[in-house]
């Protein structure tokens, strides 16, 4: 009788917990690799579509600007995709317009909106394959940074939500927590991305020959060529050809018609500032309505 009672007691929650604790194996922590890091572009590399456009969509659902504004922006993006070029004058005008509208907005408000909109709109647009690549670097003890023309506040939100180290993005000037309407430097686009990574490497003691960069666009060739390991993710035509010529790995997480459409030349810098215009309009209207 005693043995039966004892046996019943051994299969209870306390016994199960004790057995689990005794069987637990301590996993050795990953030793940090302080000289190597990975750098990921965001738009069409880590995320389907343009992050700033998704941000603008989130603002539209909040009634901060009209669907007509969003449609105009989308049409403008499509035109730039088809042309596949980036007229410096167009970029300058779009940038100045976006900055003029965002002037006076509070940084905390933009961050809060970015967090909410990421959870509502962007989270489901993260490429699972790219996210897994980022995780593999984290698992190896390496730091992982996003590098994007998207405003740094939004880029940081994305990095935080993904559990990454941090983000390099376009920096807008602020004063007392409010945007002034001016940039610090210029858009983080093309060669500027490479300069940002080079500066970060100096600060963090990284060996760029041991670092890896990922992008979908030939606009990021300065960055991809800077590191020891370059990988083309969902590449446009020019980057795909360059990657094949230089024997860089190519990974494409797109399928069918979406892959064909996404492979069209993309003016990433123009897309970023155009999205900034839409977002800026929304924020400006928001503050005027207060």
C-alpha atoms as a PDB file:
ATOM      1  CA  UNK A   1       0.000   0.000   0.000  1.00  0.00           C
ATOM      2  CA  UNK A   2       2.791   2.364   0.926  1.00  0.00           C
ATOM      3  CA  UNK A   3       4.566   1.708  -2.360  1.00  0.00           C
ATOM      4  CA  UNK A   4       1.404   2.529  -4.307  1.00  0.00           C
ATOM      5  CA  UNK A   5       0.933   5.827  -2.485  1.00  0.00           C
ATOM      6  CA  UNK A   6       4.594   6.680  -2.931  1.00  0.00           C
ATOM      7  CA  UNK A   7       4.415   5.966  -6.628  1.00  0.00           C
ATOM      8  CA  UNK A   8       1.398   8.193  -7.009  1.00  0.00           C
ATOM      9  CA  UNK A   9       3.207  10.989  -5.213  1.00  0.00           C
ATOM     10  CA  UNK A  10       6.224  10.600  -7.535  1.00  0.00           C
ATOM     11  CA  UNK A  11       4.131  11.413 -10.587  1.00  0.00           C
ATOM     12  CA  UNK A  12       2.799  14.665  -9.131  1.00  0.00           C
ATOM     13  CA  UNK A  13       3.847  18.180 -10.211  1.00  0.00           C
ATOM     14  CA  UNK A  14       6.506  18.491  -7.510  1.00  0.00           C
ATOM     15  CA  UNK A  15       8.211  15.278  -8.556  1.00  0.00           C
ATOM     16  CA  UNK A  16       8.001  16.296 -12.222  1.00  0.00           C
ATOM     17  CA  UNK A  17       9.540  19.651 -11.441  1.00  0.00           C
ATOM     18  CA  UNK A  18      12.359  18.076  -9.417  1.00  0.00           C
ATOM     19  CA  UNK A  19      13.106  15.588 -12.169  1.00  0.00           C
ATOM     20  CA  UNK A  20      13.176  18.337 -14.788  1.00  0.00           C
ATOM     21  CA  UNK A  21      15.554  20.447 -12.709  1.00  0.00           C
ATOM     22  CA  UNK A  22      17.925  17.507 -12.229  1.00  0.00           C
ATOM     23  CA  UNK A  23      17.883  16.729 -15.946  1.00  0.00           C
ATOM     24  CA  UNK A  24      18.467  20.350 -16.997  1.00  0.00           C
ATOM     25  CA  UNK A  25      21.683  20.978 -18.877  1.00  0.00           C
ATOM     26  CA  UNK A  26      23.334  24.369 -18.664  1.00  0.00           C
ATOM     27  CA  UNK A  27      24.059  25.670 -22.155  1.00  0.00           C
ATOM     28  CA  UNK A  28      27.369  27.470 -22.397  1.00  0.00           C
ATOM     29  CA  UNK A  29      26.893  31.121 -23.389  1.00  0.00           C
ATOM     30  CA  UNK A  30      28.032  32.115 -26.847  1.00  0.00           C
ATOM     31  CA  UNK A  31      31.388  33.816 -26.756  1.00  0.00           C
ATOM     32  CA  UNK A  32      31.070  37.295 -28.295  1.00  0.00           C
ATOM     33  CA  UNK A  33      32.841  37.811 -31.601  1.00  0.00           C
ATOM     34  CA  UNK A  34      33.850  41.438 -31.182  1.00  0.00           C
ATOM     35  CA  UNK A  35      35.539  41.884 -34.551  1.00  0.00           C
ATOM     36  CA  UNK A  36      32.763  40.629 -36.826  1.00  0.00           C
ATOM     37  CA  UNK A  37      29.296  42.007 -37.502  1.00  0.00           C
ATOM     38  CA  UNK A  38      26.506  41.780 -40.065  1.00  0.00           C
ATOM     39  CA  UNK A  39      24.808  44.694 -41.814  1.00  0.00           C
ATOM     40  CA  UNK A  40      21.346  44.408 -43.337  1.00  0.00           C
ATOM     41  CA  UNK A  41      19.559  46.786 -45.650  1.00  0.00           C
ATOM     42  CA  UNK A  42      15.851  47.066 -44.729  1.00  0.00           C
ATOM     43  CA  UNK A  43      13.585  47.752 -47.701  1.00  0.00           C
ATOM     44  CA  UNK A  44      13.064  44.594 -49.808  1.00  0.00           C
ATOM     45  CA  UNK A  45      15.961  42.946 -47.954  1.00  0.00           C
ATOM     46  CA  UNK A  46      14.722  42.539 -44.387  1.00  0.00           C
ATOM     47  CA  UNK A  47      11.175  43.672 -45.143  1.00  0.00           C
ATOM     48  CA  UNK A  48       8.829  43.374 -48.105  1.00  0.00           C
ATOM     49  CA  UNK A  49       8.368  46.850 -49.548  1.00  0.00           C
ATOM     50  CA  UNK A  50       9.481  50.223 -48.223  1.00  0.00           C
ATOM     51  CA  UNK A  51       9.375  50.671 -44.454  1.00  0.00           C
ATOM     52  CA  UNK A  52       8.623  54.385 -44.695  1.00  0.00           C
ATOM     53  CA  UNK A  53       5.688  53.640 -47.002  1.00  0.00           C
ATOM     54  CA  UNK A  54       4.279  51.171 -44.474  1.00  0.00           C
ATOM     55  CA  UNK A  55       4.739  53.869 -41.839  1.00  0.00           C
ATOM     56  CA  UNK A  56       2.788  56.301 -44.022  1.00  0.00           C
ATOM     57  CA  UNK A  57       0.034  53.694 -44.448  1.00  0.00           C
ATOM     58  CA  UNK A  58      -0.181  53.374 -40.682  1.00  0.00           C
ATOM     59  CA  UNK A  59      -0.559  57.128 -40.384  1.00  0.00           C
ATOM     60  CA  UNK A  60      -3.299  57.046 -43.024  1.00  0.00           C
ATOM     61  CA  UNK A  61      -5.320  54.526 -41.010  1.00  0.00           C
ATOM     62  CA  UNK A  62      -5.160  56.954 -38.113  1.00  0.00           C
ATOM     63  CA  UNK A  63      -6.709  59.670 -40.240  1.00  0.00           C
ATOM     64  CA  UNK A  64      -3.555  61.797 -40.202  1.00  0.00           C
ATOM     65  CA  UNK A  65      -3.742  62.232 -43.970  1.00  0.00           C
ATOM     66  CA  UNK A  66      -5.950  61.096 -46.814  1.00  0.00           C
ATOM     67  CA  UNK A  67      -5.846  57.966 -48.919  1.00  0.00           C
ATOM     68  CA  UNK A  68      -5.446  60.335 -51.887  1.00  0.00           C
ATOM     69  CA  UNK A  69      -2.108  61.502 -50.436  1.00  0.00           C
ATOM     70  CA  UNK A  70      -1.041  57.882 -50.074  1.00  0.00           C
ATOM     71  CA  UNK A  71      -2.130  57.054 -53.622  1.00  0.00           C
ATOM     72  CA  UNK A  72      -0.108  59.963 -55.030  1.00  0.00           C
ATOM     73  CA  UNK A  73       2.942  58.719 -53.161  1.00  0.00           C
ATOM     74  CA  UNK A  74       2.409  55.148 -54.399  1.00  0.00           C
ATOM     75  CA  UNK A  75       2.090  56.324 -58.011  1.00  0.00           C
ATOM     76  CA  UNK A  76       5.253  58.373 -57.621  1.00  0.00           C
ATOM     77  CA  UNK A  77       7.112  55.329 -56.331  1.00  0.00           C
ATOM     78  CA  UNK A  78       5.897  53.247 -59.267  1.00  0.00           C
ATOM     79  CA  UNK A  79       7.191  55.840 -61.743  1.00  0.00           C
ATOM     80  CA  UNK A  80      10.619  55.851 -60.127  1.00  0.00           C
ATOM     81  CA  UNK A  81      10.644  52.028 -60.122  1.00  0.00           C
ATOM     82  CA  UNK A  82      10.000  51.933 -63.859  1.00  0.00           C
ATOM     83  CA  UNK A  83      12.558  54.603 -64.672  1.00  0.00           C
ATOM     84  CA  UNK A  84      15.171  53.024 -62.446  1.00  0.00           C
ATOM     85  CA  UNK A  85      17.078  56.272 -62.058  1.00  0.00           C
ATOM     86  CA  UNK A  86      17.650  58.760 -59.288  1.00  0.00           C
ATOM     87  CA  UNK A  87      17.794  62.327 -60.468  1.00  0.00           C
ATOM     88  CA  UNK A  88      19.728  64.271 -57.800  1.00  0.00           C
ATOM     89  CA  UNK A  89      17.446  67.276 -58.284  1.00  0.00           C
ATOM     90  CA  UNK A  90      14.352  65.144 -57.666  1.00  0.00           C
ATOM     91  CA  UNK A  91      15.898  63.684 -54.529  1.00  0.00           C
ATOM     92  CA  UNK A  92      16.869  67.129 -53.246  1.00  0.00           C
ATOM     93  CA  UNK A  93      13.388  68.570 -53.823  1.00  0.00           C
ATOM     94  CA  UNK A  94      11.646  65.600 -52.208  1.00  0.00           C
ATOM     95  CA  UNK A  95      14.021  65.698 -49.252  1.00  0.00           C
ATOM     96  CA  UNK A  96      13.505  69.413 -48.652  1.00  0.00           C
ATOM     97  CA  UNK A  97       9.735  69.021 -48.897  1.00  0.00           C
ATOM     98  CA  UNK A  98       9.702  66.160 -46.419  1.00  0.00           C
ATOM     99  CA  UNK A  99      11.882  68.045 -43.972  1.00  0.00           C
ATOM    100  CA  UNK A 100       9.755  71.180 -44.219  1.00  0.00           C
ATOM    101  CA  UNK A 101       6.638  69.204 -43.321  1.00  0.00           C
ATOM    102  CA  UNK A 102       8.217  67.263 -40.456  1.00  0.00           C
ATOM    103  CA  UNK A 103       9.630  70.399 -38.809  1.00  0.00           C
ATOM    104  CA  UNK A 104       8.056  70.878 -35.396  1.00  0.00           C
ATOM    105  CA  UNK A 105       7.086  67.239 -34.871  1.00  0.00           C
ATOM    106  CA  UNK A 106       8.131  65.668 -31.583  1.00  0.00           C
ATOM    107  CA  UNK A 107      10.643  62.831 -31.740  1.00  0.00           C
ATOM    108  CA  UNK A 108       8.824  60.895 -28.993  1.00  0.00           C
ATOM    109  CA  UNK A 109       5.596  61.013 -30.992  1.00  0.00           C
ATOM    110  CA  UNK A 110       7.300  59.646 -34.101  1.00  0.00           C
ATOM    111  CA  UNK A 111       8.904  56.826 -32.088  1.00  0.00           C
ATOM    112  CA  UNK A 112       5.596  55.930 -30.422  1.00  0.00           C
ATOM    113  CA  UNK A 113       3.791  55.894 -33.764  1.00  0.00           C
ATOM    114  CA  UNK A 114       6.617  53.850 -35.253  1.00  0.00           C
ATOM    115  CA  UNK A 115       6.294  51.204 -32.540  1.00  0.00           C
ATOM    116  CA  UNK A 116       2.529  50.931 -32.960  1.00  0.00           C
ATOM    117  CA  UNK A 117       2.661  50.866 -36.751  1.00  0.00           C
ATOM    118  CA  UNK A 118       5.457  48.280 -36.795  1.00  0.00           C
ATOM    119  CA  UNK A 119       3.344  45.923 -34.706  1.00  0.00           C
ATOM    120  CA  UNK A 120       0.237  46.539 -36.828  1.00  0.00           C
ATOM    121  CA  UNK A 121       1.630  46.738 -40.353  1.00  0.00           C
ATOM    122  CA  UNK A 122       5.307  45.838 -40.643  1.00  0.00           C
ATOM    123  CA  UNK A 123       5.840  42.765 -38.471  1.00  0.00           C
ATOM    124  CA  UNK A 124       4.086  40.444 -40.930  1.00  0.00           C
ATOM    125  CA  UNK A 125       6.212  41.800 -43.794  1.00  0.00           C
ATOM    126  CA  UNK A 126       9.562  40.686 -42.416  1.00  0.00           C
ATOM    127  CA  UNK A 127      11.188  38.097 -44.677  1.00  0.00           C
ATOM    128  CA  UNK A 128      11.504  34.932 -42.593  1.00  0.00           C
ATOM    129  CA  UNK A 129      14.601  33.848 -44.510  1.00  0.00           C
ATOM    130  CA  UNK A 130      16.400  37.146 -43.955  1.00  0.00           C
ATOM    131  CA  UNK A 131      15.419  37.179 -40.289  1.00  0.00           C
ATOM    132  CA  UNK A 132      16.906  33.697 -39.928  1.00  0.00           C
ATOM    133  CA  UNK A 133      20.171  34.910 -41.470  1.00  0.00           C
ATOM    134  CA  UNK A 134      20.315  37.757 -38.961  1.00  0.00           C
ATOM    135  CA  UNK A 135      19.666  35.314 -36.130  1.00  0.00           C
ATOM    136  CA  UNK A 136      22.499  33.074 -37.312  1.00  0.00           C
ATOM    137  CA  UNK A 137      24.914  35.975 -36.849  1.00  0.00           C
ATOM    138  CA  UNK A 138      23.516  36.698 -33.387  1.00  0.00           C
ATOM    139  CA  UNK A 139      23.852  33.024 -32.493  1.00  0.00           C
ATOM    140  CA  UNK A 140      27.506  33.222 -33.563  1.00  0.00           C
ATOM    141  CA  UNK A 141      28.066  36.059 -31.097  1.00  0.00           C
ATOM    142  CA  UNK A 142      28.187  38.758 -33.743  1.00  0.00           C
ATOM    143  CA  UNK A 143      26.418  42.093 -33.650  1.00  0.00           C
ATOM    144  CA  UNK A 144      23.760  42.784 -36.276  1.00  0.00           C
ATOM    145  CA  UNK A 145      22.946  46.261 -37.561  1.00  0.00           C
ATOM    146  CA  UNK A 146      20.323  47.586 -39.930  1.00  0.00           C
ATOM    147  CA  UNK A 147      21.631  50.118 -42.463  1.00  0.00           C
ATOM    148  CA  UNK A 148      18.927  52.102 -44.214  1.00  0.00           C
ATOM    149  CA  UNK A 149      17.881  55.433 -45.696  1.00  0.00           C
ATOM    150  CA  UNK A 150      14.806  55.223 -43.459  1.00  0.00           C
ATOM    151  CA  UNK A 151      14.788  57.764 -40.594  1.00  0.00           C
ATOM    152  CA  UNK A 152      16.941  56.418 -37.782  1.00  0.00           C
ATOM    153  CA  UNK A 153      14.096  56.566 -35.256  1.00  0.00           C
ATOM    154  CA  UNK A 154      11.994  54.169 -37.321  1.00  0.00           C
ATOM    155  CA  UNK A 155      15.040  52.024 -38.131  1.00  0.00           C
ATOM    156  CA  UNK A 156      15.752  51.651 -34.401  1.00  0.00           C
ATOM    157  CA  UNK A 157      12.191  50.518 -33.756  1.00  0.00           C
ATOM    158  CA  UNK A 158      12.560  47.792 -36.384  1.00  0.00           C
ATOM    159  CA  UNK A 159      15.917  46.702 -34.948  1.00  0.00           C
ATOM    160  CA  UNK A 160      14.533  46.570 -31.411  1.00  0.00           C
ATOM    161  CA  UNK A 161      11.480  44.583 -32.447  1.00  0.00           C
ATOM    162  CA  UNK A 162      13.735  42.066 -34.228  1.00  0.00           C
ATOM    163  CA  UNK A 163      16.140  41.800 -31.311  1.00  0.00           C
ATOM    164  CA  UNK A 164      19.072  43.179 -33.287  1.00  0.00           C
ATOM    165  CA  UNK A 165      21.985  45.240 -32.036  1.00  0.00           C
ATOM    166  CA  UNK A 166      20.954  48.576 -33.515  1.00  0.00           C
ATOM    167  CA  UNK A 167      20.410  50.612 -36.651  1.00  0.00           C
ATOM    168  CA  UNK A 168      22.120  53.148 -38.849  1.00  0.00           C
ATOM    169  CA  UNK A 169      19.628  55.438 -40.585  1.00  0.00           C
ATOM    170  CA  UNK A 170      19.088  58.934 -41.925  1.00  0.00           C
ATOM    171  CA  UNK A 171      19.507  61.430 -39.098  1.00  0.00           C
ATOM    172  CA  UNK A 172      17.233  64.455 -38.885  1.00  0.00           C
ATOM    173  CA  UNK A 173      18.346  67.368 -36.741  1.00  0.00           C
ATOM    174  CA  UNK A 174      16.440  67.885 -33.494  1.00  0.00           C
ATOM    175  CA  UNK A 175      16.352  70.564 -30.823  1.00  0.00           C
ATOM    176  CA  UNK A 176      14.811  69.913 -27.409  1.00  0.00           C
ATOM    177  CA  UNK A 177      13.169  66.752 -28.709  1.00  0.00           C
ATOM    178  CA  UNK A 178      11.616  68.450 -31.751  1.00  0.00           C
ATOM    179  CA  UNK A 179      12.603  68.129 -35.414  1.00  0.00           C
ATOM    180  CA  UNK A 180      14.085  71.319 -36.839  1.00  0.00           C
ATOM    181  CA  UNK A 181      13.425  70.483 -40.488  1.00  0.00           C
ATOM    182  CA  UNK A 182      17.096  69.938 -41.357  1.00  0.00           C
ATOM    183  CA  UNK A 183      19.175  66.825 -41.878  1.00  0.00           C
ATOM    184  CA  UNK A 184      22.434  66.042 -40.124  1.00  0.00           C
ATOM    185  CA  UNK A 185      24.531  65.348 -43.204  1.00  0.00           C
ATOM    186  CA  UNK A 186      22.417  63.789 -45.960  1.00  0.00           C
ATOM    187  CA  UNK A 187      20.282  60.754 -46.695  1.00  0.00           C
ATOM    188  CA  UNK A 188      21.933  57.503 -45.672  1.00  0.00           C
ATOM    189  CA  UNK A 189      21.878  56.140 -49.171  1.00  0.00           C
ATOM    190  CA  UNK A 190      24.410  54.631 -51.568  1.00  0.00           C
ATOM    191  CA  UNK A 191      27.982  55.647 -50.674  1.00  0.00           C
ATOM    192  CA  UNK A 192      26.756  57.194 -47.408  1.00  0.00           C
ATOM    193  CA  UNK A 193      25.877  53.731 -46.104  1.00  0.00           C
ATOM    194  CA  UNK A 194      29.428  52.563 -46.680  1.00  0.00           C
ATOM    195  CA  UNK A 195      30.773  55.639 -44.885  1.00  0.00           C
ATOM    196  CA  UNK A 196      28.461  55.013 -41.937  1.00  0.00           C
ATOM    197  CA  UNK A 197      29.582  51.397 -41.620  1.00  0.00           C
ATOM    198  CA  UNK A 198      33.227  52.418 -41.943  1.00  0.00           C
ATOM    199  CA  UNK A 199      32.774  54.955 -39.135  1.00  0.00           C
ATOM    200  CA  UNK A 200      30.960  52.409 -36.960  1.00  0.00           C
ATOM    201  CA  UNK A 201      33.735  49.877 -37.559  1.00  0.00           C
ATOM    202  CA  UNK A 202      36.314  52.361 -36.323  1.00  0.00           C
ATOM    203  CA  UNK A 203      34.250  53.097 -33.230  1.00  0.00           C
ATOM    204  CA  UNK A 204      33.475  49.459 -32.427  1.00  0.00           C
ATOM    205  CA  UNK A 205      36.812  47.937 -33.418  1.00  0.00           C
ATOM    206  CA  UNK A 206      35.339  45.804 -36.206  1.00  0.00           C
ATOM    207  CA  UNK A 207      37.427  44.051 -38.814  1.00  0.00           C
ATOM    208  CA  UNK A 208      35.500  44.769 -42.008  1.00  0.00           C
ATOM    209  CA  UNK A 209      37.131  41.839 -43.787  1.00  0.00           C
ATOM    210  CA  UNK A 210      35.306  39.579 -41.306  1.00  0.00           C
ATOM    211  CA  UNK A 211      31.969  41.390 -41.639  1.00  0.00           C
ATOM    212  CA  UNK A 212      28.989  40.538 -43.838  1.00  0.00           C
ATOM    213  CA  UNK A 213      26.540  42.819 -45.654  1.00  0.00           C
ATOM    214  CA  UNK A 214      23.160  42.010 -47.177  1.00  0.00           C
ATOM    215  CA  UNK A 215      21.138  44.034 -49.697  1.00  0.00           C
ATOM    216  CA  UNK A 216      18.664  43.774 -52.559  1.00  0.00           C
ATOM    217  CA  UNK A 217      19.872  46.793 -54.541  1.00  0.00           C
ATOM    218  CA  UNK A 218      22.813  47.740 -56.728  1.00  0.00           C
ATOM    219  CA  UNK A 219      22.616  51.128 -54.990  1.00  0.00           C
ATOM    220  CA  UNK A 220      24.283  49.398 -52.049  1.00  0.00           C
ATOM    221  CA  UNK A 221      27.311  48.146 -53.969  1.00  0.00           C
ATOM    222  CA  UNK A 222      29.589  50.564 -52.050  1.00  0.00           C
ATOM    223  CA  UNK A 223      28.505  48.871 -48.813  1.00  0.00           C
ATOM    224  CA  UNK A 224      28.596  45.342 -50.186  1.00  0.00           C
ATOM    225  CA  UNK A 225      32.072  45.916 -51.616  1.00  0.00           C
ATOM    226  CA  UNK A 226      33.335  47.298 -48.309  1.00  0.00           C
ATOM    227  CA  UNK A 227      33.009  44.082 -46.305  1.00  0.00           C
ATOM    228  CA  UNK A 228      34.653  40.709 -46.642  1.00  0.00           C
ATOM    229  CA  UNK A 229      31.412  38.860 -47.278  1.00  0.00           C
ATOM    230  CA  UNK A 230      28.603  40.228 -49.457  1.00  0.00           C
ATOM    231  CA  UNK A 231      25.234  38.548 -49.988  1.00  0.00           C
ATOM    232  CA  UNK A 232      22.530  39.556 -52.460  1.00  0.00           C
ATOM    233  CA  UNK A 233      19.020  39.173 -51.052  1.00  0.00           C
ATOM    234  CA  UNK A 234      16.039  39.377 -53.436  1.00  0.00           C
ATOM    235  CA  UNK A 235      18.368  41.227 -55.826  1.00  0.00           C
ATOM    236  CA  UNK A 236      17.460  43.635 -58.591  1.00  0.00           C
ATOM    237  CA  UNK A 237      18.787  42.807 -62.042  1.00  0.00           C
ATOM    238  CA  UNK A 238      21.995  44.812 -61.771  1.00  0.00           C
ATOM    239  CA  UNK A 239      22.910  43.433 -58.360  1.00  0.00           C
ATOM    240  CA  UNK A 240      22.140  39.873 -59.450  1.00  0.00           C
ATOM    241  CA  UNK A 241      24.505  40.193 -62.399  1.00  0.00           C
ATOM    242  CA  UNK A 242      27.198  41.766 -60.221  1.00  0.00           C
ATOM    243  CA  UNK A 243      26.805  39.050 -57.585  1.00  0.00           C
ATOM    244  CA  UNK A 244      27.134  36.295 -60.176  1.00  0.00           C
ATOM    245  CA  UNK A 245      30.227  37.911 -61.657  1.00  0.00           C
ATOM    246  CA  UNK A 246      31.891  38.177 -58.250  1.00  0.00           C
ATOM    247  CA  UNK A 247      30.559  34.828 -56.993  1.00  0.00           C
ATOM    248  CA  UNK A 248      28.593  36.364 -54.129  1.00  0.00           C
ATOM    249  CA  UNK A 249      25.862  34.214 -52.600  1.00  0.00           C
ATOM    250  CA  UNK A 250      22.352  35.021 -53.875  1.00  0.00           C
ATOM    251  CA  UNK A 251      19.261  34.295 -51.826  1.00  0.00           C
ATOM    252  CA  UNK A 252      15.784  35.017 -53.129  1.00  0.00           C
ATOM    253  CA  UNK A 253      12.829  34.664 -50.788  1.00  0.00           C
ATOM    254  CA  UNK A 254      10.283  35.886 -53.332  1.00  0.00           C
ATOM    255  CA  UNK A 255       8.052  33.686 -55.450  1.00  0.00           C
ATOM    256  CA  UNK A 256       6.137  33.988 -58.712  1.00  0.00           C
ATOM    257  CA  UNK A 257       4.816  37.318 -59.905  1.00  0.00           C
ATOM    258  CA  UNK A 258       5.921  39.147 -56.769  1.00  0.00           C
ATOM    259  CA  UNK A 259       9.524  38.242 -57.524  1.00  0.00           C
ATOM    260  CA  UNK A 260       9.225  39.596 -61.053  1.00  0.00           C
ATOM    261  CA  UNK A 261       7.720  42.885 -59.940  1.00  0.00           C
ATOM    262  CA  UNK A 262      10.164  43.351 -57.078  1.00  0.00           C
ATOM    263  CA  UNK A 263      13.100  42.813 -59.423  1.00  0.00           C
ATOM    264  CA  UNK A 264      12.347  46.054 -61.267  1.00  0.00           C
ATOM    265  CA  UNK A 265      14.945  48.792 -60.673  1.00  0.00           C
ATOM    266  CA  UNK A 266      14.129  50.585 -57.439  1.00  0.00           C
ATOM    267  CA  UNK A 267      15.141  54.148 -56.610  1.00  0.00           C
ATOM    268  CA  UNK A 268      15.605  53.497 -52.907  1.00  0.00           C
ATOM    269  CA  UNK A 269      16.687  56.997 -51.976  1.00  0.00           C
ATOM    270  CA  UNK A 270      13.739  58.576 -53.748  1.00  0.00           C
ATOM    271  CA  UNK A 271      11.387  56.053 -52.197  1.00  0.00           C
ATOM    272  CA  UNK A 272      12.648  56.886 -48.731  1.00  0.00           C
ATOM    273  CA  UNK A 273      12.254  60.638 -49.061  1.00  0.00           C
ATOM    274  CA  UNK A 274       8.935  60.278 -50.896  1.00  0.00           C
ATOM    275  CA  UNK A 275       7.690  58.216 -47.995  1.00  0.00           C
ATOM    276  CA  UNK A 276       9.049  60.913 -45.734  1.00  0.00           C
ATOM    277  CA  UNK A 277       6.944  63.449 -47.613  1.00  0.00           C
ATOM    278  CA  UNK A 278       3.799  61.401 -47.028  1.00  0.00           C
ATOM    279  CA  UNK A 279       4.651  60.849 -43.378  1.00  0.00           C
ATOM    280  CA  UNK A 280       5.635  64.490 -42.992  1.00  0.00           C
ATOM    281  CA  UNK A 281       2.328  65.681 -44.427  1.00  0.00           C
ATOM    282  CA  UNK A 282       0.488  63.468 -41.983  1.00  0.00           C
ATOM    283  CA  UNK A 283       2.457  64.639 -38.965  1.00  0.00           C
ATOM    284  CA  UNK A 284       2.125  68.277 -39.980  1.00  0.00           C
ATOM    285  CA  UNK A 285      -1.650  67.953 -40.250  1.00  0.00           C
ATOM    286  CA  UNK A 286      -1.691  66.152 -36.921  1.00  0.00           C
ATOM    287  CA  UNK A 287       0.044  69.025 -35.149  1.00  0.00           C
ATOM    288  CA  UNK A 288      -2.055  71.680 -36.890  1.00  0.00           C
ATOM    289  CA  UNK A 289      -5.232  69.935 -35.735  1.00  0.00           C
ATOM    290  CA  UNK A 290      -4.208  70.121 -32.095  1.00  0.00           C
END
